[in-house]
C-alpha cells in the first residue's frame, strides 16, 4: 500500500500579493511604453494618410501641374504660455494643383528670456489633408528665439494634382493651413492632439 502524496503547500498571502504587485507594475510599464510610442506612430499615420487633415511630407515636386486652382489660406495661432507673435506675410495665395509655392511666416518673441516652441498643424477641409504636401517647413523642427528676436520662417508646399479627381473635393477650392505654436516642453503630445482640432481663428496669448 502506497503512502499518500504530500499536498503542495499553498503560497502564503504575502507571496501571492507580491506576485500580483509585480504583474501590475509590469502592466503599467508596458502601457506607459505603448503610450510613449503611440505619439510618433500616430504622427506617422496621420502624415501618411492625411487623417484629421494632417498634411503629408514630400521631398520632390510633382511631375505635372494642372489647371485647377486652389486658394490656400493661412491661419496662425500661439498657445498660452508662449510669448510670441506669429503671423503669415500674406493671408492667402492662389496656386494651381502641382505648383510649388513658398510662404513666409514672421515669428517675434516678446519674452525677456530665451524661449522654445514647436508647431502643430493641419489643413481644412480634412479631405484635403491627403493631397496637401510640404517640402520644407519650420514646423519640422523646434524653434528657439532669443529675447525679442524676430525670425522669418518659410513653408514650401503644393496641392497634389490627384486632388482634382477626389470626389470629396468637388466644388471645394479653398484650403486652410493652420498652425499653432506650443511651448516646446511637453509639446509633442499636445501637438499630436492639437493636429486634429481645426483652428477657429488667429490668436495670441
N, C-alpha and C. Protein backbone atom coordinates (compact mmCIF):
# COMPACT_ATOMS: atom_id res chain seq x y z
N UNK A 1 0.86 -1.20 0.00
CA UNK A 1 0.00 0.00 0.00
C UNK A 1 0.89 1.24 0.00
N UNK A 2 0.65 2.09 -1.01
CA UNK A 2 1.49 3.28 -1.12
C UNK A 2 0.98 4.38 -0.20
N UNK A 3 1.93 5.15 0.29
CA UNK A 3 1.55 6.26 1.16
C UNK A 3 1.04 7.42 0.33
N UNK A 4 0.08 8.19 0.81
CA UNK A 4 -0.47 9.33 0.03
C UNK A 4 0.61 10.38 -0.21
N UNK A 5 0.53 10.97 -1.43
CA UNK A 5 1.48 12.03 -1.77
C UNK A 5 1.21 13.26 -0.92
N UNK A 6 2.29 13.90 -0.52
CA UNK A 6 2.07 15.13 0.28
C UNK A 6 1.49 16.24 -0.59
N UNK A 7 0.54 16.95 -0.07
CA UNK A 7 -0.08 18.05 -0.80
C UNK A 7 0.88 19.25 -0.83
N UNK A 8 0.95 19.93 -2.01
CA UNK A 8 1.83 21.11 -2.06
C UNK A 8 1.34 22.20 -1.12
N UNK A 9 2.30 22.84 -0.53
CA UNK A 9 1.96 23.92 0.40
C UNK A 9 1.49 25.14 -0.38
N UNK A 10 0.29 25.61 -0.15
CA UNK A 10 -0.20 26.80 -0.89
C UNK A 10 0.66 28.01 -0.58
N UNK A 11 0.86 28.90 -1.57
CA UNK A 11 1.68 30.09 -1.32
C UNK A 11 1.04 30.95 -0.25
N UNK A 12 1.91 31.57 0.49
CA UNK A 12 1.42 32.45 1.56
C UNK A 12 0.75 33.67 0.95
N UNK A 13 -0.18 34.29 1.66
CA UNK A 13 -0.84 35.50 1.13
C UNK A 13 0.16 36.59 0.77
N UNK A 14 1.25 36.71 1.54
CA UNK A 14 2.24 37.74 1.25
C UNK A 14 2.92 37.49 -0.09
N UNK A 15 3.26 36.19 -0.36
CA UNK A 15 3.92 35.87 -1.62
C UNK A 15 2.97 36.09 -2.79
N UNK A 16 1.71 35.70 -2.63
CA UNK A 16 0.72 35.90 -3.69
C UNK A 16 0.53 37.38 -3.99
N UNK A 17 0.47 38.18 -2.95
CA UNK A 17 0.31 39.62 -3.14
C UNK A 17 1.52 40.21 -3.84
N UNK A 18 2.71 39.69 -3.54
CA UNK A 18 3.92 40.20 -4.19
C UNK A 18 3.89 39.91 -5.68
N UNK A 19 3.42 38.69 -6.04
CA UNK A 19 3.33 38.34 -7.46
C UNK A 19 2.35 39.26 -8.19
N UNK A 20 1.23 39.51 -7.55
CA UNK A 20 0.23 40.41 -8.16
C UNK A 20 0.82 41.80 -8.34
N UNK A 21 1.57 42.28 -7.34
CA UNK A 21 2.16 43.61 -7.44
C UNK A 21 3.16 43.69 -8.58
N UNK A 22 4.00 42.63 -8.72
CA UNK A 22 4.97 42.62 -9.82
C UNK A 22 4.27 42.62 -11.17
N UNK A 23 3.20 41.84 -11.27
CA UNK A 23 2.45 41.79 -12.53
C UNK A 23 1.84 43.15 -12.86
N UNK A 24 1.30 43.82 -11.86
CA UNK A 24 0.69 45.13 -12.09
C UNK A 24 1.74 46.16 -12.51
N UNK A 25 2.91 46.12 -11.87
CA UNK A 25 3.98 47.04 -12.25
C UNK A 25 4.39 46.82 -13.69
N UNK A 26 4.51 45.54 -14.09
CA UNK A 26 4.86 45.24 -15.48
C UNK A 26 3.81 45.73 -16.44
N UNK A 27 2.52 45.56 -16.06
CA UNK A 27 1.43 46.01 -16.93
C UNK A 27 1.46 47.52 -17.09
N UNK A 28 1.66 48.24 -15.98
CA UNK A 28 1.71 49.71 -16.04
C UNK A 28 2.89 50.16 -16.90
N UNK A 29 4.04 49.49 -16.74
CA UNK A 29 5.21 49.85 -17.55
C UNK A 29 4.96 49.63 -19.03
N UNK A 30 4.31 48.49 -19.36
CA UNK A 30 4.01 48.22 -20.76
C UNK A 30 3.06 49.25 -21.33
N UNK A 31 2.03 49.63 -20.53
CA UNK A 31 1.09 50.65 -21.01
C UNK A 31 1.78 51.99 -21.21
N UNK A 32 2.71 52.32 -20.30
CA UNK A 32 3.44 53.57 -20.46
C UNK A 32 4.29 53.56 -21.72
N UNK A 33 4.92 52.41 -22.00
CA UNK A 33 5.73 52.32 -23.22
C UNK A 33 4.88 52.46 -24.47
N UNK A 34 3.70 51.84 -24.45
CA UNK A 34 2.81 51.97 -25.61
C UNK A 34 2.34 53.40 -25.78
N UNK A 35 2.03 54.07 -24.67
CA UNK A 35 1.59 55.47 -24.77
C UNK A 35 2.70 56.34 -25.34
N UNK A 36 3.94 56.10 -24.90
CA UNK A 36 5.07 56.90 -25.40
C UNK A 36 5.27 56.65 -26.89
N UNK A 37 5.16 55.37 -27.29
CA UNK A 37 5.38 55.04 -28.70
C UNK A 37 4.21 55.48 -29.57
N UNK A 38 3.02 55.65 -28.98
CA UNK A 38 1.84 55.96 -29.78
C UNK A 38 1.91 57.34 -30.41
N UNK A 39 2.62 58.30 -29.76
CA UNK A 39 2.69 59.65 -30.31
C UNK A 39 3.41 59.67 -31.65
N UNK A 40 4.65 59.14 -31.77
CA UNK A 40 5.29 59.14 -33.09
C UNK A 40 4.55 58.27 -34.10
N UNK A 41 3.97 57.13 -33.64
CA UNK A 41 3.23 56.28 -34.57
C UNK A 41 2.01 57.01 -35.09
N UNK A 42 1.28 57.68 -34.18
CA UNK A 42 0.10 58.43 -34.58
C UNK A 42 0.47 59.54 -35.56
N UNK A 43 1.59 60.24 -35.26
CA UNK A 43 2.05 61.31 -36.15
C UNK A 43 2.37 60.76 -37.53
N UNK A 44 3.06 59.60 -37.57
CA UNK A 44 3.39 58.98 -38.86
C UNK A 44 2.12 58.58 -39.60
N UNK A 45 1.16 57.98 -38.88
CA UNK A 45 -0.08 57.53 -39.51
C UNK A 45 -0.83 58.71 -40.11
N UNK A 46 -0.92 59.81 -39.37
CA UNK A 46 -1.65 60.97 -39.88
C UNK A 46 -0.98 61.56 -41.10
N UNK A 47 0.37 61.65 -41.08
CA UNK A 47 1.07 62.21 -42.23
C UNK A 47 0.96 61.31 -43.45
N UNK A 48 0.95 59.99 -43.21
CA UNK A 48 0.91 59.05 -44.33
C UNK A 48 -0.47 59.00 -44.98
N UNK A 49 -1.52 59.20 -44.19
CA UNK A 49 -2.88 59.04 -44.69
C UNK A 49 -3.64 60.34 -44.86
N UNK A 50 -3.13 61.44 -44.25
CA UNK A 50 -3.88 62.68 -44.26
C UNK A 50 -5.02 62.69 -43.26
N UNK A 51 -5.05 61.72 -42.35
CA UNK A 51 -6.13 61.62 -41.37
C UNK A 51 -6.18 62.89 -40.50
N UNK A 52 -7.40 63.35 -40.25
CA UNK A 52 -7.57 64.53 -39.42
C UNK A 52 -7.07 65.80 -40.06
N UNK A 53 -6.89 65.79 -41.38
CA UNK A 53 -6.40 66.99 -42.06
C UNK A 53 -4.91 67.20 -41.90
N UNK A 54 -4.16 66.15 -41.55
CA UNK A 54 -2.72 66.30 -41.38
C UNK A 54 -2.03 66.29 -42.75
N UNK A 55 -1.27 67.33 -43.10
CA UNK A 55 -0.60 67.36 -44.39
C UNK A 55 0.49 66.29 -44.47
N UNK A 56 0.79 65.87 -45.70
CA UNK A 56 1.88 64.93 -45.91
C UNK A 56 3.20 65.66 -46.03
N UNK A 57 4.28 64.88 -46.13
CA UNK A 57 5.62 65.41 -46.29
C UNK A 57 6.19 64.86 -47.59
N UNK A 58 6.74 65.73 -48.42
CA UNK A 58 7.30 65.32 -49.71
C UNK A 58 8.75 65.78 -49.81
N UNK A 59 9.50 65.13 -50.67
CA UNK A 59 10.90 65.51 -50.89
C UNK A 59 11.11 66.14 -52.25
N UNK A 60 10.19 65.91 -53.19
CA UNK A 60 10.33 66.49 -54.53
C UNK A 60 8.98 67.04 -54.97
N UNK A 61 9.02 67.90 -55.97
CA UNK A 61 7.80 68.48 -56.52
C UNK A 61 7.10 67.47 -57.43
N UNK A 62 5.79 67.64 -57.66
CA UNK A 62 5.09 66.75 -58.59
C UNK A 62 5.64 66.89 -60.00
N UNK A 63 5.36 65.89 -60.82
CA UNK A 63 5.88 65.91 -62.19
C UNK A 63 4.93 66.58 -63.17
N UNK A 64 3.84 67.15 -62.66
CA UNK A 64 2.90 67.84 -63.55
C UNK A 64 2.15 68.92 -62.79
N UNK A 65 1.68 69.91 -63.53
CA UNK A 65 0.85 70.99 -63.00
C UNK A 65 -0.42 71.04 -63.85
N UNK A 66 -1.57 71.08 -63.20
CA UNK A 66 -2.82 71.10 -63.94
C UNK A 66 -3.49 72.46 -63.76
N UNK A 67 -4.61 72.65 -64.45
CA UNK A 67 -5.24 73.97 -64.48
C UNK A 67 -6.08 74.28 -63.24
N UNK A 68 -6.47 73.28 -62.49
CA UNK A 68 -7.35 73.56 -61.35
C UNK A 68 -6.61 74.41 -60.31
N UNK A 69 -7.29 75.46 -59.85
CA UNK A 69 -6.69 76.42 -58.93
C UNK A 69 -7.31 76.28 -57.54
N UNK A 70 -6.46 76.31 -56.52
CA UNK A 70 -6.90 76.31 -55.14
C UNK A 70 -6.44 77.60 -54.47
N UNK A 71 -7.30 78.14 -53.61
CA UNK A 71 -6.88 79.23 -52.74
C UNK A 71 -6.46 78.63 -51.41
N UNK A 72 -5.22 78.85 -51.03
CA UNK A 72 -4.71 78.35 -49.76
C UNK A 72 -4.64 79.51 -48.78
N UNK A 73 -5.39 79.40 -47.68
CA UNK A 73 -5.41 80.43 -46.65
C UNK A 73 -4.52 80.00 -45.49
N UNK A 74 -4.01 80.98 -44.75
CA UNK A 74 -3.05 80.70 -43.69
C UNK A 74 -3.58 81.21 -42.35
N UNK A 75 -3.56 80.32 -41.37
CA UNK A 75 -4.05 80.64 -40.04
C UNK A 75 -2.91 80.43 -39.05
N UNK A 76 -2.65 81.41 -38.19
CA UNK A 76 -1.52 81.34 -37.26
C UNK A 76 -2.00 81.58 -35.83
N UNK A 77 -1.61 80.70 -34.92
CA UNK A 77 -2.06 80.75 -33.53
C UNK A 77 -0.90 80.49 -32.58
N UNK A 78 -0.98 81.04 -31.38
CA UNK A 78 0.02 80.80 -30.33
C UNK A 78 -0.72 80.39 -29.07
N UNK A 79 -0.33 79.27 -28.49
CA UNK A 79 -0.97 78.77 -27.27
C UNK A 79 -0.51 79.57 -26.06
N UNK A 80 -1.28 79.47 -25.00
CA UNK A 80 -0.92 80.14 -23.76
C UNK A 80 0.42 79.61 -23.25
N UNK A 81 1.19 80.50 -22.66
CA UNK A 81 2.47 80.11 -22.11
C UNK A 81 3.65 80.38 -23.02
N UNK A 82 3.38 80.91 -24.22
CA UNK A 82 4.46 81.22 -25.16
C UNK A 82 4.28 82.66 -25.62
N UNK A 83 5.19 83.53 -25.23
CA UNK A 83 5.06 84.96 -25.52
C UNK A 83 5.63 85.28 -26.89
N UNK A 84 4.94 84.81 -27.93
CA UNK A 84 5.36 85.05 -29.31
C UNK A 84 4.24 85.71 -30.09
N UNK A 85 4.63 86.54 -31.06
CA UNK A 85 3.72 87.00 -32.10
C UNK A 85 4.05 86.20 -33.35
N UNK A 86 3.00 85.72 -34.03
CA UNK A 86 3.19 84.77 -35.12
C UNK A 86 2.14 85.02 -36.19
N UNK A 87 2.55 85.34 -37.41
CA UNK A 87 1.58 85.56 -38.48
C UNK A 87 2.24 85.40 -39.84
N UNK A 88 1.44 85.05 -40.87
CA UNK A 88 1.98 84.94 -42.23
C UNK A 88 2.12 86.31 -42.85
N UNK A 89 3.05 86.41 -43.81
CA UNK A 89 3.23 87.70 -44.50
C UNK A 89 2.08 88.00 -45.45
N UNK A 90 1.41 86.96 -45.92
CA UNK A 90 0.22 87.15 -46.77
C UNK A 90 -0.90 86.27 -46.22
N UNK A 91 -2.14 86.71 -46.31
CA UNK A 91 -3.23 85.91 -45.75
C UNK A 91 -3.58 84.68 -46.58
N UNK A 92 -3.29 84.71 -47.88
CA UNK A 92 -3.63 83.58 -48.74
C UNK A 92 -2.88 83.70 -50.07
N UNK A 93 -2.82 82.58 -50.79
CA UNK A 93 -2.26 82.57 -52.14
C UNK A 93 -3.14 81.67 -53.00
N UNK A 94 -3.08 81.90 -54.31
CA UNK A 94 -3.78 81.04 -55.26
C UNK A 94 -2.73 80.25 -56.03
N UNK A 95 -2.89 78.92 -56.03
CA UNK A 95 -1.92 78.05 -56.70
C UNK A 95 -2.65 77.02 -57.53
N UNK A 96 -2.01 76.62 -58.64
CA UNK A 96 -2.54 75.51 -59.40
C UNK A 96 -2.08 74.20 -58.77
N UNK A 97 -2.89 73.17 -58.91
CA UNK A 97 -2.53 71.87 -58.35
C UNK A 97 -1.25 71.37 -59.01
N UNK A 98 -0.27 71.02 -58.19
CA UNK A 98 1.03 70.60 -58.68
C UNK A 98 2.07 71.71 -58.67
N UNK A 99 1.63 72.94 -58.48
CA UNK A 99 2.54 74.08 -58.45
C UNK A 99 3.13 74.24 -57.05
N UNK A 100 4.44 74.41 -56.97
CA UNK A 100 5.11 74.57 -55.68
C UNK A 100 5.11 76.05 -55.29
N UNK A 101 4.74 76.33 -54.05
CA UNK A 101 4.68 77.71 -53.56
C UNK A 101 5.40 77.79 -52.21
N UNK A 102 5.93 78.97 -51.91
CA UNK A 102 6.59 79.22 -50.63
C UNK A 102 5.97 80.45 -50.00
N UNK A 103 5.61 80.33 -48.74
CA UNK A 103 5.05 81.44 -47.97
C UNK A 103 5.88 81.60 -46.71
N UNK A 104 6.11 82.84 -46.31
CA UNK A 104 6.95 83.13 -45.15
C UNK A 104 6.09 83.60 -43.98
N UNK A 105 6.36 83.03 -42.81
CA UNK A 105 5.74 83.47 -41.57
C UNK A 105 6.74 84.30 -40.77
N UNK A 106 6.23 85.25 -40.01
CA UNK A 106 7.07 86.08 -39.13
C UNK A 106 6.81 85.69 -37.68
N UNK A 107 7.89 85.37 -36.97
CA UNK A 107 7.78 84.99 -35.57
C UNK A 107 8.60 85.97 -34.74
N UNK A 108 7.99 86.57 -33.75
CA UNK A 108 8.68 87.52 -32.88
C UNK A 108 8.47 87.14 -31.41
N UNK A 109 9.57 87.10 -30.66
CA UNK A 109 9.48 86.82 -29.24
C UNK A 109 9.26 88.11 -28.46
N UNK A 110 8.31 88.08 -27.53
CA UNK A 110 8.08 89.20 -26.63
C UNK A 110 8.63 88.91 -25.23
N UNK A 111 9.35 87.80 -25.10
CA UNK A 111 9.86 87.38 -23.80
C UNK A 111 11.19 88.04 -23.48
N UNK A 112 11.51 88.06 -22.20
CA UNK A 112 12.78 88.61 -21.73
C UNK A 112 13.85 87.53 -21.60
N UNK A 113 13.48 86.28 -21.85
CA UNK A 113 14.42 85.17 -21.79
C UNK A 113 14.29 84.34 -23.07
N UNK A 114 15.23 83.44 -23.27
CA UNK A 114 15.16 82.55 -24.43
C UNK A 114 13.94 81.64 -24.30
N UNK A 115 13.23 81.46 -25.40
CA UNK A 115 12.04 80.62 -25.41
C UNK A 115 12.10 79.65 -26.57
N UNK A 116 11.42 78.50 -26.40
CA UNK A 116 11.40 77.47 -27.43
C UNK A 116 9.96 77.07 -27.73
N UNK A 117 9.67 76.87 -29.01
CA UNK A 117 8.32 76.48 -29.39
C UNK A 117 8.34 75.44 -30.49
N UNK A 118 7.25 74.70 -30.58
CA UNK A 118 7.08 73.72 -31.64
C UNK A 118 5.65 73.84 -32.17
N UNK A 119 5.48 73.69 -33.48
CA UNK A 119 4.19 73.96 -34.11
C UNK A 119 3.44 72.68 -34.44
N UNK A 120 2.15 72.67 -34.09
CA UNK A 120 1.22 71.67 -34.58
C UNK A 120 0.52 72.25 -35.80
N UNK A 121 0.05 71.39 -36.69
CA UNK A 121 -0.52 71.91 -37.93
C UNK A 121 -1.57 70.95 -38.47
N UNK A 122 -2.48 71.50 -39.26
CA UNK A 122 -3.42 70.68 -40.01
C UNK A 122 -4.00 71.52 -41.13
N UNK A 123 -4.77 70.88 -42.00
CA UNK A 123 -5.47 71.61 -43.06
C UNK A 123 -6.94 71.28 -43.00
N UNK A 124 -7.76 72.22 -43.43
CA UNK A 124 -9.18 72.00 -43.60
C UNK A 124 -9.57 72.45 -45.01
N UNK A 125 -10.54 71.75 -45.63
CA UNK A 125 -11.27 70.60 -45.10
C UNK A 125 -10.35 69.39 -44.91
N UNK A 126 -10.76 68.48 -44.01
CA UNK A 126 -9.93 67.34 -43.69
C UNK A 126 -9.63 66.49 -44.92
N UNK A 127 -10.58 66.46 -45.87
CA UNK A 127 -10.37 65.63 -47.07
C UNK A 127 -9.18 66.09 -47.90
N UNK A 128 -8.75 67.34 -47.68
CA UNK A 128 -7.59 67.85 -48.43
C UNK A 128 -6.26 67.42 -47.83
N UNK A 129 -6.28 66.88 -46.60
CA UNK A 129 -5.04 66.53 -45.93
C UNK A 129 -4.17 65.57 -46.72
N UNK A 130 -4.77 64.60 -47.38
CA UNK A 130 -4.01 63.63 -48.14
C UNK A 130 -3.44 64.17 -49.43
N UNK A 131 -3.88 65.37 -49.84
CA UNK A 131 -3.40 65.97 -51.10
C UNK A 131 -2.52 67.19 -50.87
N UNK A 132 -2.36 67.60 -49.63
CA UNK A 132 -1.56 68.77 -49.31
C UNK A 132 -0.22 68.30 -48.78
N UNK A 133 0.86 68.66 -49.45
CA UNK A 133 2.19 68.15 -49.08
C UNK A 133 3.17 69.30 -48.85
N UNK A 134 4.00 69.15 -47.84
CA UNK A 134 5.04 70.13 -47.53
C UNK A 134 6.41 69.57 -47.93
N UNK A 135 7.17 70.40 -48.61
CA UNK A 135 8.55 70.03 -48.96
C UNK A 135 9.51 70.54 -47.89
N UNK A 136 9.25 71.72 -47.38
CA UNK A 136 10.07 72.30 -46.30
C UNK A 136 9.15 73.08 -45.39
N UNK A 137 9.45 73.04 -44.08
CA UNK A 137 8.58 73.74 -43.14
C UNK A 137 9.28 73.96 -41.81
N UNK A 138 9.07 75.12 -41.23
CA UNK A 138 9.60 75.43 -39.90
C UNK A 138 8.99 74.51 -38.84
N UNK A 139 7.85 73.90 -39.16
CA UNK A 139 7.17 73.04 -38.19
C UNK A 139 7.84 71.69 -38.03
N UNK A 140 8.82 71.37 -38.89
CA UNK A 140 9.50 70.09 -38.77
C UNK A 140 10.47 70.06 -37.58
N UNK A 141 10.87 71.21 -37.09
CA UNK A 141 11.86 71.28 -36.02
C UNK A 141 11.42 72.28 -34.95
N UNK A 142 11.99 72.13 -33.79
CA UNK A 142 11.75 73.07 -32.70
C UNK A 142 12.40 74.40 -33.01
N UNK A 143 11.73 75.50 -32.66
CA UNK A 143 12.25 76.84 -32.90
C UNK A 143 12.68 77.47 -31.57
N UNK A 144 13.87 78.08 -31.56
CA UNK A 144 14.40 78.74 -30.38
C UNK A 144 14.62 80.22 -30.70
N UNK A 145 14.05 81.11 -29.87
CA UNK A 145 14.19 82.54 -30.08
C UNK A 145 14.83 83.19 -28.86
N UNK A 146 15.76 84.09 -29.13
CA UNK A 146 16.34 84.90 -28.06
C UNK A 146 15.35 86.00 -27.67
N UNK A 147 15.58 86.68 -26.55
CA UNK A 147 14.65 87.74 -26.14
C UNK A 147 14.43 88.77 -27.25
N UNK A 148 13.18 88.98 -27.63
CA UNK A 148 12.76 89.98 -28.63
C UNK A 148 13.34 89.70 -30.03
N UNK A 149 13.77 88.49 -30.26
CA UNK A 149 14.28 88.14 -31.60
C UNK A 149 13.13 87.99 -32.58
N UNK A 150 13.38 88.34 -33.83
CA UNK A 150 12.41 88.19 -34.92
C UNK A 150 13.03 87.30 -35.99
N UNK A 151 12.30 86.28 -36.43
CA UNK A 151 12.80 85.41 -37.49
C UNK A 151 11.73 85.27 -38.57
N UNK A 152 12.19 84.94 -39.76
CA UNK A 152 11.28 84.60 -40.87
C UNK A 152 11.33 83.10 -41.07
N UNK A 153 10.16 82.48 -41.13
CA UNK A 153 10.05 81.03 -41.18
C UNK A 153 9.25 80.62 -42.42
N UNK A 154 9.91 80.08 -43.43
CA UNK A 154 9.19 79.72 -44.66
C UNK A 154 8.56 78.33 -44.59
N UNK A 155 7.52 78.14 -45.37
CA UNK A 155 6.94 76.82 -45.61
C UNK A 155 6.75 76.68 -47.12
N UNK A 156 7.22 75.56 -47.67
CA UNK A 156 7.12 75.28 -49.11
C UNK A 156 6.18 74.09 -49.29
N UNK A 157 5.20 74.23 -50.14
CA UNK A 157 4.15 73.21 -50.23
C UNK A 157 3.59 73.14 -51.65
N UNK A 158 2.74 72.13 -51.86
CA UNK A 158 1.94 72.05 -53.09
C UNK A 158 0.68 71.24 -52.81
N UNK A 159 -0.30 71.42 -53.68
CA UNK A 159 -1.50 70.60 -53.66
C UNK A 159 -1.35 69.56 -54.76
N UNK A 160 -1.46 68.31 -54.41
CA UNK A 160 -1.25 67.23 -55.37
C UNK A 160 -2.30 67.30 -56.49
N UNK A 161 -1.86 67.12 -57.74
CA UNK A 161 -2.84 67.12 -58.83
C UNK A 161 -3.92 66.06 -58.68
N UNK A 162 -3.65 65.01 -57.90
CA UNK A 162 -4.65 63.97 -57.69
C UNK A 162 -5.88 64.51 -56.98
N UNK A 163 -5.76 65.67 -56.35
CA UNK A 163 -6.92 66.27 -55.68
C UNK A 163 -8.05 66.55 -56.66
N UNK A 164 -7.71 66.76 -57.91
CA UNK A 164 -8.73 67.10 -58.91
C UNK A 164 -9.69 65.93 -59.15
N UNK A 165 -9.20 64.71 -58.92
CA UNK A 165 -10.04 63.53 -59.15
C UNK A 165 -10.74 63.06 -57.89
N UNK A 166 -10.50 63.71 -56.77
CA UNK A 166 -11.11 63.31 -55.50
C UNK A 166 -12.53 63.85 -55.42
N UNK A 167 -13.50 62.94 -55.40
CA UNK A 167 -14.90 63.38 -55.39
C UNK A 167 -15.25 64.16 -54.13
N UNK A 168 -14.48 63.96 -53.04
CA UNK A 168 -14.74 64.69 -51.80
C UNK A 168 -14.35 66.17 -51.90
N UNK A 169 -13.58 66.50 -52.93
CA UNK A 169 -13.14 67.89 -53.09
C UNK A 169 -13.81 68.57 -54.29
N UNK A 170 -14.81 67.96 -54.85
CA UNK A 170 -15.52 68.58 -55.95
C UNK A 170 -16.23 69.84 -55.46
N UNK A 171 -15.97 70.95 -56.13
CA UNK A 171 -16.58 72.21 -55.74
C UNK A 171 -15.96 72.84 -54.50
N UNK A 172 -14.87 72.29 -54.02
CA UNK A 172 -14.20 72.84 -52.82
C UNK A 172 -12.79 73.25 -53.22
N UNK A 173 -12.61 74.52 -53.42
CA UNK A 173 -11.35 75.04 -53.94
C UNK A 173 -10.60 75.92 -52.95
N UNK A 174 -11.02 75.89 -51.68
CA UNK A 174 -10.34 76.66 -50.65
C UNK A 174 -9.79 75.71 -49.59
N UNK A 175 -8.51 75.85 -49.29
CA UNK A 175 -7.85 75.03 -48.27
C UNK A 175 -7.24 75.97 -47.24
N UNK A 176 -7.43 75.68 -45.98
CA UNK A 176 -6.84 76.49 -44.90
C UNK A 176 -5.75 75.69 -44.21
N UNK A 177 -4.56 76.25 -44.18
CA UNK A 177 -3.43 75.66 -43.47
C UNK A 177 -3.30 76.36 -42.12
N UNK A 178 -3.46 75.59 -41.04
CA UNK A 178 -3.47 76.16 -39.69
C UNK A 178 -2.25 75.69 -38.90
N UNK A 179 -1.66 76.63 -38.18
CA UNK A 179 -0.55 76.32 -37.28
C UNK A 179 -0.89 76.81 -35.88
N UNK A 180 -0.45 76.06 -34.89
CA UNK A 180 -0.49 76.52 -33.50
C UNK A 180 0.86 76.25 -32.87
N UNK A 181 1.52 77.28 -32.37
CA UNK A 181 2.79 77.12 -31.66
C UNK A 181 2.52 76.86 -30.18
N UNK A 182 3.19 75.84 -29.65
CA UNK A 182 3.12 75.50 -28.23
C UNK A 182 4.50 75.68 -27.61
N UNK A 183 4.56 75.94 -26.29
CA UNK A 183 5.86 75.87 -25.62
C UNK A 183 6.48 74.50 -25.86
N UNK A 184 7.78 74.42 -26.11
CA UNK A 184 8.41 73.17 -26.52
C UNK A 184 8.36 72.11 -25.44
N UNK A 185 8.38 72.46 -24.16
CA UNK A 185 8.37 71.48 -23.09
C UNK A 185 7.06 70.70 -23.10
N UNK A 186 7.16 69.40 -23.34
CA UNK A 186 5.98 68.55 -23.36
C UNK A 186 5.06 68.83 -24.51
N UNK A 187 5.56 69.47 -25.56
CA UNK A 187 4.66 69.89 -26.64
C UNK A 187 4.31 68.77 -27.60
N UNK A 188 5.10 67.71 -27.67
CA UNK A 188 4.85 66.68 -28.68
C UNK A 188 3.49 66.03 -28.50
N UNK A 189 3.16 65.70 -27.27
CA UNK A 189 1.86 65.07 -27.04
C UNK A 189 0.73 66.04 -27.34
N UNK A 190 0.90 67.31 -26.93
CA UNK A 190 -0.13 68.31 -27.21
C UNK A 190 -0.26 68.55 -28.70
N UNK A 191 0.88 68.56 -29.41
CA UNK A 191 0.85 68.80 -30.84
C UNK A 191 0.12 67.68 -31.57
N UNK A 192 0.30 66.45 -31.10
CA UNK A 192 -0.37 65.34 -31.76
C UNK A 192 -1.88 65.45 -31.64
N UNK A 193 -2.37 65.87 -30.46
CA UNK A 193 -3.81 66.02 -30.28
C UNK A 193 -4.31 67.28 -30.94
N UNK A 194 -3.54 68.35 -30.90
CA UNK A 194 -3.98 69.62 -31.48
C UNK A 194 -4.11 69.53 -32.99
N UNK A 195 -3.36 68.62 -33.62
CA UNK A 195 -3.41 68.49 -35.07
C UNK A 195 -4.78 68.04 -35.54
N UNK A 196 -5.61 67.52 -34.64
CA UNK A 196 -6.94 67.08 -35.02
C UNK A 196 -7.98 68.17 -34.84
N UNK A 197 -7.63 69.28 -34.24
CA UNK A 197 -8.60 70.32 -33.93
C UNK A 197 -8.39 71.51 -34.85
N UNK A 198 -9.24 71.71 -35.84
CA UNK A 198 -9.08 72.87 -36.72
C UNK A 198 -9.16 74.17 -35.93
N UNK A 199 -8.23 75.07 -36.22
CA UNK A 199 -8.23 76.36 -35.52
C UNK A 199 -9.38 77.20 -36.01
N UNK A 200 -9.97 77.98 -35.10
CA UNK A 200 -11.12 78.80 -35.46
C UNK A 200 -10.73 80.21 -35.83
N UNK A 201 -9.50 80.60 -35.53
CA UNK A 201 -9.07 81.96 -35.86
C UNK A 201 -7.76 82.26 -35.23
N UNK A 202 -7.09 83.31 -35.71
CA UNK A 202 -5.79 83.66 -35.17
C UNK A 202 -5.93 84.23 -33.78
N UNK A 203 -4.94 83.87 -32.93
CA UNK A 203 -4.95 84.41 -31.58
C UNK A 203 -3.54 84.36 -31.04
N UNK A 204 -3.27 85.13 -30.04
CA UNK A 204 -2.01 85.08 -29.31
C UNK A 204 -2.33 85.08 -27.84
N UNK A 205 -1.33 84.62 -27.03
CA UNK A 205 -1.59 84.57 -25.60
C UNK A 205 -1.43 85.94 -24.99
